[in-house]
């Protein structure tokens, strides 16, 4: 259970990082 929570947290952070990266790319192109 603790491991699943850790994996979920990592996945959440990864998703957030992807969104931030995409936002930066869009800002750079604008």
PDB file of N, CA and C in Angstrom:
ATOM      1  N   UNK A   1       0.829  -1.216   0.000  1.00  0.00           N
ATOM      2  CA  UNK A   1       0.000   0.000   0.000  1.00  0.00           C
ATOM      3  C   UNK A   1       0.861   1.263   0.000  1.00  0.00           C
ATOM      4  N   UNK A   2       1.882   1.287   0.828  1.00  0.00           N
ATOM      5  CA  UNK A   2       2.762   2.463   0.891  1.00  0.00           C
ATOM      6  C   UNK A   2       3.438   2.663  -0.461  1.00  0.00           C
ATOM      7  N   UNK A   3       3.798   1.567  -1.102  1.00  0.00           N
ATOM      8  CA  UNK A   3       4.459   1.653  -2.406  1.00  0.00           C
ATOM      9  C   UNK A   3       3.516   2.230  -3.454  1.00  0.00           C
ATOM     10  N   UNK A   4       2.256   1.790  -3.419  1.00  0.00           N
ATOM     11  CA  UNK A   4       1.260   2.276  -4.380  1.00  0.00           C
ATOM     12  C   UNK A   4       1.083   3.782  -4.215  1.00  0.00           C
ATOM     13  N   UNK A   5       1.081   4.228  -2.969  1.00  0.00           N
ATOM     14  CA  UNK A   5       0.919   5.653  -2.695  1.00  0.00           C
ATOM     15  C   UNK A   5       2.103   6.424  -3.265  1.00  0.00           C
ATOM     16  N   UNK A   6       3.294   5.852  -3.094  1.00  0.00           N
ATOM     17  CA  UNK A   6       4.512   6.490  -3.605  1.00  0.00           C
ATOM     18  C   UNK A   6       4.460   6.600  -5.126  1.00  0.00           C
ATOM     19  N   UNK A   7       4.036   5.517  -5.769  1.00  0.00           N
ATOM     20  CA  UNK A   7       3.929   5.508  -7.236  1.00  0.00           C
ATOM     21  C   UNK A   7       2.910   6.537  -7.702  1.00  0.00           C
ATOM     22  N   UNK A   8       1.784   6.618  -7.004  1.00  0.00           N
ATOM     23  CA  UNK A   8       0.740   7.571  -7.377  1.00  0.00           C
ATOM     24  C   UNK A   8       1.263   8.994  -7.254  1.00  0.00           C
ATOM     25  N   UNK A   9       2.047   9.246  -6.219  1.00  0.00           N
ATOM     26  CA  UNK A   9       2.590  10.592  -5.997  1.00  0.00           C
ATOM     27  C   UNK A   9       3.565  10.950  -7.121  1.00  0.00           C
ATOM     28  N   UNK A  10       4.404   9.992  -7.502  1.00  0.00           N
ATOM     29  CA  UNK A  10       5.374  10.225  -8.574  1.00  0.00           C
ATOM     30  C   UNK A  10       4.637  10.485  -9.891  1.00  0.00           C
ATOM     31  N   UNK A  11       3.594   9.699 -10.150  1.00  0.00           N
ATOM     32  CA  UNK A  11       2.827   9.875 -11.388  1.00  0.00           C
ATOM     33  C   UNK A  11       2.182  11.247 -11.410  1.00  0.00           C
ATOM     34  N   UNK A  12       1.685  11.687 -10.274  1.00  0.00           N
ATOM     35  CA  UNK A  12       1.030  12.991 -10.187  1.00  0.00           C
ATOM     36  C   UNK A  12       2.041  14.108 -10.465  1.00  0.00           C
ATOM     37  N   UNK A  13       3.214  13.995  -9.879  1.00  0.00           N
ATOM     38  CA  UNK A  13       4.249  15.013 -10.087  1.00  0.00           C
ATOM     39  C   UNK A  13       4.702  15.011 -11.549  1.00  0.00           C
ATOM     40  N   UNK A  14       4.828  13.823 -12.126  1.00  0.00           N
ATOM     41  CA  UNK A  14       5.263  13.717 -13.516  1.00  0.00           C
ATOM     42  C   UNK A  14       4.255  14.403 -14.426  1.00  0.00           C
ATOM     43  N   UNK A  15       2.968  14.170 -14.143  1.00  0.00           N
ATOM     44  CA  UNK A  15       1.914  14.759 -14.968  1.00  0.00           C
ATOM     45  C   UNK A  15       1.955  16.281 -14.848  1.00  0.00           C
ATOM     46  N   UNK A  16       2.155  16.755 -13.631  1.00  0.00           N
ATOM     47  CA  UNK A  16       2.203  18.201 -13.400  1.00  0.00           C
ATOM     48  C   UNK A  16       3.402  18.802 -14.141  1.00  0.00           C
ATOM     49  N   UNK A  17       4.546  18.095 -14.089  1.00  0.00           N
ATOM     50  CA  UNK A  17       5.741  18.592 -14.774  1.00  0.00           C
ATOM     51  C   UNK A  17       5.500  18.667 -16.278  1.00  0.00           C
ATOM     52  N   UNK A  18       4.792  17.674 -16.822  1.00  0.00           N
ATOM     53  CA  UNK A  18       4.504  17.666 -18.255  1.00  0.00           C
ATOM     54  C   UNK A  18       3.642  18.869 -18.622  1.00  0.00           C
ATOM     55  N   UNK A  19       2.632  19.146 -17.787  1.00  0.00           N
ATOM     56  CA  UNK A  19       1.746  20.278 -18.056  1.00  0.00           C
ATOM     57  C   UNK A  19       2.522  21.586 -18.005  1.00  0.00           C
ATOM     58  N   UNK A  20       3.395  21.724 -17.015  1.00  0.00           N
ATOM     59  CA  UNK A  20       4.190  22.944 -16.886  1.00  0.00           C
ATOM     60  C   UNK A  20       5.127  23.087 -18.087  1.00  0.00           C
ATOM     61  N   UNK A  21       5.709  21.979 -18.524  1.00  0.00           N
ATOM     62  CA  UNK A  21       6.618  21.999 -19.667  1.00  0.00           C
ATOM     63  C   UNK A  21       5.866  22.438 -20.918  1.00  0.00           C
ATOM     64  N   UNK A  22       4.675  21.874 -21.116  1.00  0.00           N
ATOM     65  CA  UNK A  22       3.868  22.218 -22.287  1.00  0.00           C
ATOM     66  C   UNK A  22       3.479  23.695 -22.238  1.00  0.00           C
ATOM     67  N   UNK A  23       3.132  24.180 -21.050  1.00  0.00           N
ATOM     68  CA  UNK A  23       2.741  25.584 -20.894  1.00  0.00           C
ATOM     69  C   UNK A  23       3.911  26.499 -21.260  1.00  0.00           C
ATOM     70  N   UNK A  24       5.111  26.110 -20.838  1.00  0.00           N
ATOM     71  CA  UNK A  24       6.297  26.917 -21.153  1.00  0.00           C
ATOM     72  C   UNK A  24       6.543  26.926 -22.662  1.00  0.00           C
ATOM     73  N   UNK A  25       6.354  25.775 -23.304  1.00  0.00           N
ATOM     74  CA  UNK A  25       6.561  25.686 -24.743  1.00  0.00           C
ATOM     75  C   UNK A  25       5.569  26.593 -25.461  1.00  0.00           C
ATOM     76  N   UNK A  26       4.314  26.583 -25.015  1.00  0.00           N
ATOM     77  CA  UNK A  26       3.277  27.410 -25.636  1.00  0.00           C
ATOM     78  C   UNK A  26       3.611  28.885 -25.452  1.00  0.00           C
ATOM     79  N   UNK A  27       4.077  29.242 -24.278  1.00  0.00           N
ATOM     80  CA  UNK A  27       4.430  30.639 -24.013  1.00  0.00           C
ATOM     81  C   UNK A  27       5.583  31.058 -24.909  1.00  0.00           C
ATOM     82  N   UNK A  28       6.546  30.158 -25.100  1.00  0.00           N
ATOM     83  CA  UNK A  28       7.700  30.467 -25.928  1.00  0.00           C
ATOM     84  C   UNK A  28       7.296  30.653 -27.387  1.00  0.00           C
ATOM     85  N   UNK A  29       6.307  29.889 -27.842  1.00  0.00           N
ATOM     86  CA  UNK A  29       5.867  29.984 -29.234  1.00  0.00           C
ATOM     87  C   UNK A  29       5.001  31.211 -29.459  1.00  0.00           C
ATOM     88  N   UNK A  30       4.290  31.666 -28.440  1.00  0.00           N
ATOM     89  CA  UNK A  30       3.358  32.782 -28.582  1.00  0.00           C
ATOM     90  C   UNK A  30       4.093  34.090 -28.867  1.00  0.00           C
TER      91      UNK A  30
END
